[in-house]
Amino acid sequence: MMDIVVADWFGCTVGVFRGDGMGGFASEKAVLGTVSNMAVGLGDANQDGSVDVVVGGSGRLGIVLGASE
């Protein structure tokens, strides 16, 4: 299953669209990002086996920890 992660530079949020397993995506779940989101990266930042979202911009860095579901 595939998800989409987008950074909103003007709204200072990160949007996550979870894959529904049938080729579509669920509604956006917006989470707070950093000021002027410029870059988004994915990885297991806390080594728990779940994908985390790392957001950077305007000299700030934020991490949104993923869930195993």
PDB file of N, CA and C in Angstrom:
ATOM      1  N   MET A   1       0.847  -1.172   0.000  1.00  0.00           N
ATOM      2  CA  MET A   1       0.000   0.000   0.000  1.00  0.00           C
ATOM      3  C   MET A   1       0.895   1.237   0.000  1.00  0.00           C
ATOM      4  N   MET A   2       0.495   2.264  -0.694  1.00  0.00           N
ATOM      5  CA  MET A   2       1.292   3.469  -0.821  1.00  0.00           C
ATOM      6  C   MET A   2       0.542   4.657  -0.244  1.00  0.00           C
ATOM      7  N   ASP A   3       1.269   5.544   0.420  1.00  0.00           N
ATOM      8  CA  ASP A   3       0.720   6.788   0.957  1.00  0.00           C
ATOM      9  C   ASP A   3       1.385   7.954   0.237  1.00  0.00           C
ATOM     10  N   ILE A   4       0.781   9.139   0.349  1.00  0.00           N
ATOM     11  CA  ILE A   4       1.359  10.361  -0.217  1.00  0.00           C
ATOM     12  C   ILE A   4       1.559  11.353   0.920  1.00  0.00           C
ATOM     13  N   VAL A   5       2.737  12.000   0.946  1.00  0.00           N
ATOM     14  CA  VAL A   5       3.033  13.043   1.919  1.00  0.00           C
ATOM     15  C   VAL A   5       3.349  14.315   1.154  1.00  0.00           C
ATOM     16  N   VAL A   6       2.703  15.432   1.522  1.00  0.00           N
ATOM     17  CA  VAL A   6       2.927  16.715   0.851  1.00  0.00           C
ATOM     18  C   VAL A   6       3.186  17.794   1.891  1.00  0.00           C
ATOM     19  N   ALA A   7       4.041  18.756   1.549  1.00  0.00           N
ATOM     20  CA  ALA A   7       4.311  19.897   2.424  1.00  0.00           C
ATOM     21  C   ALA A   7       3.639  21.129   1.837  1.00  0.00           C
ATOM     22  N   ASP A   8       2.908  21.851   2.667  1.00  0.00           N
ATOM     23  CA  ASP A   8       2.251  23.092   2.266  1.00  0.00           C
ATOM     24  C   ASP A   8       3.099  24.252   2.772  1.00  0.00           C
ATOM     25  N   TRP A   9       3.810  24.902   1.865  1.00  0.00           N
ATOM     26  CA  TRP A   9       4.726  25.974   2.234  1.00  0.00           C
ATOM     27  C   TRP A   9       3.987  27.145   2.862  1.00  0.00           C
ATOM     28  N   PHE A  10       2.840  27.523   2.311  1.00  0.00           N
ATOM     29  CA  PHE A  10       2.104  28.684   2.816  1.00  0.00           C
ATOM     30  C   PHE A  10       1.347  28.377   4.106  1.00  0.00           C
ATOM     31  N   GLY A  11       0.785  27.187   4.216  1.00  0.00           N
ATOM     32  CA  GLY A  11      -0.010  26.834   5.386  1.00  0.00           C
ATOM     33  C   GLY A  11       0.787  26.256   6.538  1.00  0.00           C
ATOM     34  N   CYS A  12       2.084  26.017   6.322  1.00  0.00           N
ATOM     35  CA  CYS A  12       2.969  25.462   7.354  1.00  0.00           C
ATOM     36  C   CYS A  12       2.438  24.147   7.908  1.00  0.00           C
ATOM     37  N   THR A  13       1.885  23.312   7.041  1.00  0.00           N
ATOM     38  CA  THR A  13       1.397  22.002   7.451  1.00  0.00           C
ATOM     39  C   THR A  13       1.982  20.928   6.546  1.00  0.00           C
ATOM     40  N   VAL A  14       1.867  19.713   6.990  1.00  0.00           N
ATOM     41  CA  VAL A  14       2.223  18.548   6.191  1.00  0.00           C
ATOM     42  C   VAL A  14       0.952  17.721   6.059  1.00  0.00           C
ATOM     43  N   GLY A  15       0.612  17.339   4.848  1.00  0.00           N
ATOM     44  CA  GLY A  15      -0.574  16.526   4.609  1.00  0.00           C
ATOM     45  C   GLY A  15      -0.202  15.095   4.316  1.00  0.00           C
ATOM     46  N   VAL A  16      -0.917  14.163   4.939  1.00  0.00           N
ATOM     47  CA  VAL A  16      -0.694  12.743   4.710  1.00  0.00           C
ATOM     48  C   VAL A  16      -1.975  12.151   4.131  1.00  0.00           C
ATOM     49  N   PHE A  17      -1.858  11.523   2.978  1.00  0.00           N
ATOM     50  CA  PHE A  17      -2.971  10.827   2.333  1.00  0.00           C
ATOM     51  C   PHE A  17      -2.663   9.336   2.404  1.00  0.00           C
ATOM     52  N   ARG A  18      -3.374   8.601   3.229  1.00  0.00           N
ATOM     53  CA  ARG A  18      -3.123   7.165   3.399  1.00  0.00           C
ATOM     54  C   ARG A  18      -3.749   6.389   2.243  1.00  0.00           C
ATOM     55  N   GLY A  19      -3.007   5.423   1.721  1.00  0.00           N
ATOM     56  CA  GLY A  19      -3.535   4.557   0.673  1.00  0.00           C
ATOM     57  C   GLY A  19      -4.658   3.701   1.215  1.00  0.00           C
ATOM     58  N   ASP A  20      -5.682   3.486   0.377  1.00  0.00           N
ATOM     59  CA  ASP A  20      -6.834   2.690   0.831  1.00  0.00           C
ATOM     60  C   ASP A  20      -6.735   1.224   0.425  1.00  0.00           C
ATOM     61  N   GLY A  21      -5.648   0.847  -0.248  1.00  0.00           N
ATOM     62  CA  GLY A  21      -5.455  -0.538  -0.653  1.00  0.00           C
ATOM     63  C   GLY A  21      -6.179  -0.922  -1.933  1.00  0.00           C
ATOM     64  N   MET A  22      -6.929   0.015  -2.517  1.00  0.00           N
ATOM     65  CA  MET A  22      -7.669  -0.260  -3.751  1.00  0.00           C
ATOM     66  C   MET A  22      -7.293   0.720  -4.856  1.00  0.00           C
ATOM     67  N   GLY A  23      -6.126   1.358  -4.732  1.00  0.00           N
ATOM     68  CA  GLY A  23      -5.666   2.289  -5.750  1.00  0.00           C
ATOM     69  C   GLY A  23      -6.053   3.725  -5.493  1.00  0.00           C
ATOM     70  N   GLY A  24      -6.751   3.989  -4.399  1.00  0.00           N
ATOM     71  CA  GLY A  24      -7.166   5.348  -4.059  1.00  0.00           C
ATOM     72  C   GLY A  24      -6.534   5.782  -2.748  1.00  0.00           C
ATOM     73  N   PHE A  25      -6.942   6.957  -2.293  1.00  0.00           N
ATOM     74  CA  PHE A  25      -6.385   7.523  -1.073  1.00  0.00           C
ATOM     75  C   PHE A  25      -7.499   8.074  -0.196  1.00  0.00           C
ATOM     76  N   ALA A  26      -7.291   7.986   1.108  1.00  0.00           N
ATOM     77  CA  ALA A  26      -8.234   8.546   2.071  1.00  0.00           C
ATOM     78  C   ALA A  26      -8.085  10.065   2.089  1.00  0.00           C
ATOM     79  N   SER A  27      -8.974  10.738   2.777  1.00  0.00           N
ATOM     80  CA  SER A  27      -8.901  12.187   2.922  1.00  0.00           C
ATOM     81  C   SER A  27      -7.609  12.586   3.614  1.00  0.00           C
ATOM     82  N   GLU A  28      -7.190  13.800   3.357  1.00  0.00           N
ATOM     83  CA  GLU A  28      -5.947  14.313   3.933  1.00  0.00           C
ATOM     84  C   GLU A  28      -6.023  14.410   5.446  1.00  0.00           C
ATOM     85  N   LYS A  29      -4.952  13.994   6.077  1.00  0.00           N
ATOM     86  CA  LYS A  29      -4.771  14.223   7.509  1.00  0.00           C
ATOM     87  C   LYS A  29      -3.654  15.245   7.614  1.00  0.00           C
ATOM     88  N   ALA A  30      -3.998  16.469   8.036  1.00  0.00           N
ATOM     89  CA  ALA A  30      -3.011  17.539   8.127  1.00  0.00           C
ATOM     90  C   ALA A  30      -2.375  17.534   9.510  1.00  0.00           C
ATOM     91  N   VAL A  31      -1.062  17.641   9.541  1.00  0.00           N
ATOM     92  CA  VAL A  31      -0.324  17.741  10.799  1.00  0.00           C
ATOM     93  C   VAL A  31       0.528  18.995  10.737  1.00  0.00           C
ATOM     94  N   LEU A  32       0.826  19.554  11.887  1.00  0.00           N
ATOM     95  CA  LEU A  32       1.604  20.774  11.960  1.00  0.00           C
ATOM     96  C   LEU A  32       3.023  20.525  11.481  1.00  0.00           C
ATOM     97  N   GLY A  33       3.489  21.387  10.620  1.00  0.00           N
ATOM     98  CA  GLY A  33       4.851  21.280  10.131  1.00  0.00           C
ATOM     99  C   GLY A  33       5.716  22.363  10.746  1.00  0.00           C
ATOM    100  N   THR A  34       6.722  22.784  10.019  1.00  0.00           N
ATOM    101  CA  THR A  34       7.587  23.863  10.472  1.00  0.00           C
ATOM    102  C   THR A  34       7.218  25.122   9.715  1.00  0.00           C
ATOM    103  N   VAL A  35       7.802  26.227  10.076  1.00  0.00           N
ATOM    104  CA  VAL A  35       7.568  27.467   9.352  1.00  0.00           C
ATOM    105  C   VAL A  35       8.129  27.313   7.946  1.00  0.00           C
ATOM    106  N   SER A  36       7.340  27.595   6.933  1.00  0.00           N
ATOM    107  CA  SER A  36       7.760  27.518   5.532  1.00  0.00           C
ATOM    108  C   SER A  36       8.404  26.179   5.193  1.00  0.00           C
ATOM    109  N   ASN A  37       7.601  25.122   5.191  1.00  0.00           N
ATOM    110  CA  ASN A  37       8.088  23.785   4.858  1.00  0.00           C
ATOM    111  C   ASN A  37       8.779  23.799   3.502  1.00  0.00           C
ATOM    112  N   MET A  38      10.022  23.383   3.471  1.00  0.00           N
ATOM    113  CA  MET A  38      10.784  23.377   2.230  1.00  0.00           C
ATOM    114  C   MET A  38      11.140  21.977   1.756  1.00  0.00           C
ATOM    115  N   ALA A  39      11.249  21.034   2.679  1.00  0.00           N
ATOM    116  CA  ALA A  39      11.669  19.685   2.308  1.00  0.00           C
ATOM    117  C   ALA A  39      10.981  18.659   3.195  1.00  0.00           C
ATOM    118  N   VAL A  40      10.680  17.518   2.611  1.00  0.00           N
ATOM    119  CA  VAL A  40      10.067  16.406   3.338  1.00  0.00           C
ATOM    120  C   VAL A  40      10.905  15.168   3.075  1.00  0.00           C
ATOM    121  N   GLY A  41      11.200  14.431   4.134  1.00  0.00           N
ATOM    122  CA  GLY A  41      11.927  13.179   4.008  1.00  0.00           C
ATOM    123  C   GLY A  41      11.215  12.093   4.789  1.00  0.00           C
ATOM    124  N   LEU A  42      11.402  10.861   4.388  1.00  0.00           N
ATOM    125  CA  LEU A  42      10.782   9.729   5.062  1.00  0.00           C
ATOM    126  C   LEU A  42      11.867   8.784   5.547  1.00  0.00           C
ATOM    127  N   GLY A  43      11.678   8.232   6.732  1.00  0.00           N
ATOM    128  CA  GLY A  43      12.635   7.277   7.280  1.00  0.00           C
ATOM    129  C   GLY A  43      12.175   6.839   8.655  1.00  0.00           C
ATOM    130  N   ASP A  44      12.899   5.931   9.235  1.00  0.00           N
ATOM    131  CA  ASP A  44      12.570   5.426  10.571  1.00  0.00           C
ATOM    132  C   ASP A  44      13.446   6.155  11.584  1.00  0.00           C
ATOM    133  N   ALA A  45      13.059   7.363  11.957  1.00  0.00           N
ATOM    134  CA  ALA A  45      13.878   8.236  12.804  1.00  0.00           C
ATOM    135  C   ALA A  45      14.110   7.675  14.196  1.00  0.00           C
ATOM    136  N   ASN A  46      13.125   7.001  14.771  1.00  0.00           N
ATOM    137  CA  ASN A  46      13.269   6.489  16.143  1.00  0.00           C
ATOM    138  C   ASN A  46      13.452   4.967  16.191  1.00  0.00           C
ATOM    139  N   GLN A  47      13.685   4.366  15.037  1.00  0.00           N
ATOM    140  CA  GLN A  47      13.993   2.940  14.902  1.00  0.00           C
ATOM    141  C   GLN A  47      12.956   2.025  15.563  1.00  0.00           C
ATOM    142  N   ASP A  48      11.660   2.345  15.327  1.00  0.00           N
ATOM    143  CA  ASP A  48      10.591   1.496  15.866  1.00  0.00           C
ATOM    144  C   ASP A  48       9.936   0.636  14.795  1.00  0.00           C
ATOM    145  N   GLY A  49      10.455   0.705  13.556  1.00  0.00           N
ATOM    146  CA  GLY A  49       9.902  -0.089  12.465  1.00  0.00           C
ATOM    147  C   GLY A  49       8.815   0.605  11.669  1.00  0.00           C
ATOM    148  N   SER A  50       8.416   1.819  12.058  1.00  0.00           N
ATOM    149  CA  SER A  50       7.399   2.588  11.340  1.00  0.00           C
ATOM    150  C   SER A  50       8.054   3.739  10.591  1.00  0.00           C
ATOM    151  N   VAL A  51       7.452   4.134   9.477  1.00  0.00           N
ATOM    152  CA  VAL A  51       7.976   5.252   8.697  1.00  0.00           C
ATOM    153  C   VAL A  51       7.588   6.564   9.380  1.00  0.00           C
ATOM    154  N   ASP A  52       8.567   7.439   9.571  1.00  0.00           N
ATOM    155  CA  ASP A  52       8.356   8.752  10.156  1.00  0.00           C
ATOM    156  C   ASP A  52       8.564   9.809   9.073  1.00  0.00           C
ATOM    157  N   VAL A  53       7.958  10.987   9.267  1.00  0.00           N
ATOM    158  CA  VAL A  53       8.084  12.090   8.327  1.00  0.00           C
ATOM    159  C   VAL A  53       8.977  13.156   8.957  1.00  0.00           C
ATOM    160  N   VAL A  54      10.017  13.554   8.235  1.00  0.00           N
ATOM    161  CA  VAL A  54      10.908  14.614   8.683  1.00  0.00           C
ATOM    162  C   VAL A  54      10.683  15.816   7.780  1.00  0.00           C
ATOM    163  N   VAL A  55      10.429  16.974   8.389  1.00  0.00           N
ATOM    164  CA  VAL A  55      10.122  18.196   7.646  1.00  0.00           C
ATOM    165  C   VAL A  55      11.117  19.271   8.038  1.00  0.00           C
ATOM    166  N   GLY A  56      11.637  19.987   7.053  1.00  0.00           N
ATOM    167  CA  GLY A  56      12.575  21.058   7.334  1.00  0.00           C
ATOM    168  C   GLY A  56      12.246  22.311   6.560  1.00  0.00           C
ATOM    169  N   GLY A  57      12.605  23.442   7.133  1.00  0.00           N
ATOM    170  CA  GLY A  57      12.413  24.724   6.473  1.00  0.00           C
ATOM    171  C   GLY A  57      12.672  25.865   7.423  1.00  0.00           C
ATOM    172  N   SER A  58      13.134  26.984   6.914  1.00  0.00           N
ATOM    173  CA  SER A  58      13.399  28.194   7.687  1.00  0.00           C
ATOM    174  C   SER A  58      14.282  27.925   8.901  1.00  0.00           C
ATOM    175  N   GLY A  59      15.271  27.061   8.737  1.00  0.00           N
ATOM    176  CA  GLY A  59      16.191  26.767   9.814  1.00  0.00           C
ATOM    177  C   GLY A  59      15.617  25.899  10.913  1.00  0.00           C
ATOM    178  N   ARG A  60      14.473  25.274  10.671  1.00  0.00           N
ATOM    179  CA  ARG A  60      13.834  24.421  11.677  1.00  0.00           C
ATOM    180  C   ARG A  60      13.670  23.011  11.125  1.00  0.00           C
ATOM    181  N   LEU A  61      13.541  22.071  12.040  1.00  0.00           N
ATOM    182  CA  LEU A  61      13.363  20.674  11.684  1.00  0.00           C
ATOM    183  C   LEU A  61      12.259  20.095  12.557  1.00  0.00           C
ATOM    184  N   GLY A  62      11.357  19.336  11.948  1.00  0.00           N
ATOM    185  CA  GLY A  62      10.296  18.694  12.698  1.00  0.00           C
ATOM    186  C   GLY A  62      10.200  17.227  12.308  1.00  0.00           C
ATOM    187  N   ILE A  63       9.788  16.400  13.247  1.00  0.00           N
ATOM    188  CA  ILE A  63       9.604  14.966  12.990  1.00  0.00           C
ATOM    189  C   ILE A  63       8.199  14.584  13.409  1.00  0.00           C
ATOM    190  N   VAL A  64       7.473  13.949  12.491  1.00  0.00           N
ATOM    191  CA  VAL A  64       6.148  13.403  12.791  1.00  0.00           C
ATOM    192  C   VAL A  64       6.321  11.897  12.848  1.00  0.00           C
ATOM    193  N   LEU A  65       6.190  11.351  14.046  1.00  0.00           N
ATOM    194  CA  LEU A  65       6.386   9.914  14.226  1.00  0.00           C
ATOM    195  C   LEU A  65       5.228   9.139  13.641  1.00  0.00           C
ATOM    196  N   GLY A  66       5.548   8.060  12.944  1.00  0.00           N
ATOM    197  CA  GLY A  66       4.538   7.236  12.295  1.00  0.00           C
ATOM    198  C   GLY A  66       3.902   6.250  13.261  1.00  0.00           C
ATOM    199  N   ALA A  67       2.878   5.593  12.769  1.00  0.00           N
ATOM    200  CA  ALA A  67       2.194   4.564  13.541  1.00  0.00           C
ATOM    201  C   ALA A  67       2.276   3.263  12.765  1.00  0.00           C
ATOM    202  N   SER A  68       2.191   2.166  13.445  1.00  0.00           N
ATOM    203  CA  SER A  68       2.356   0.855  12.813  1.00  0.00           C
ATOM    204  C   SER A  68       1.139   0.366  12.062  1.00  0.00           C
ATOM    205  N   GLU A  69       0.000   1.042  12.173  1.00  0.00           N
ATOM    206  CA  GLU A  69      -1.213   0.544  11.515  1.00  0.00           C
ATOM    207  C   GLU A  69      -1.131   0.645  10.012  1.00  0.00           C
TER     208      GLU A  69
END
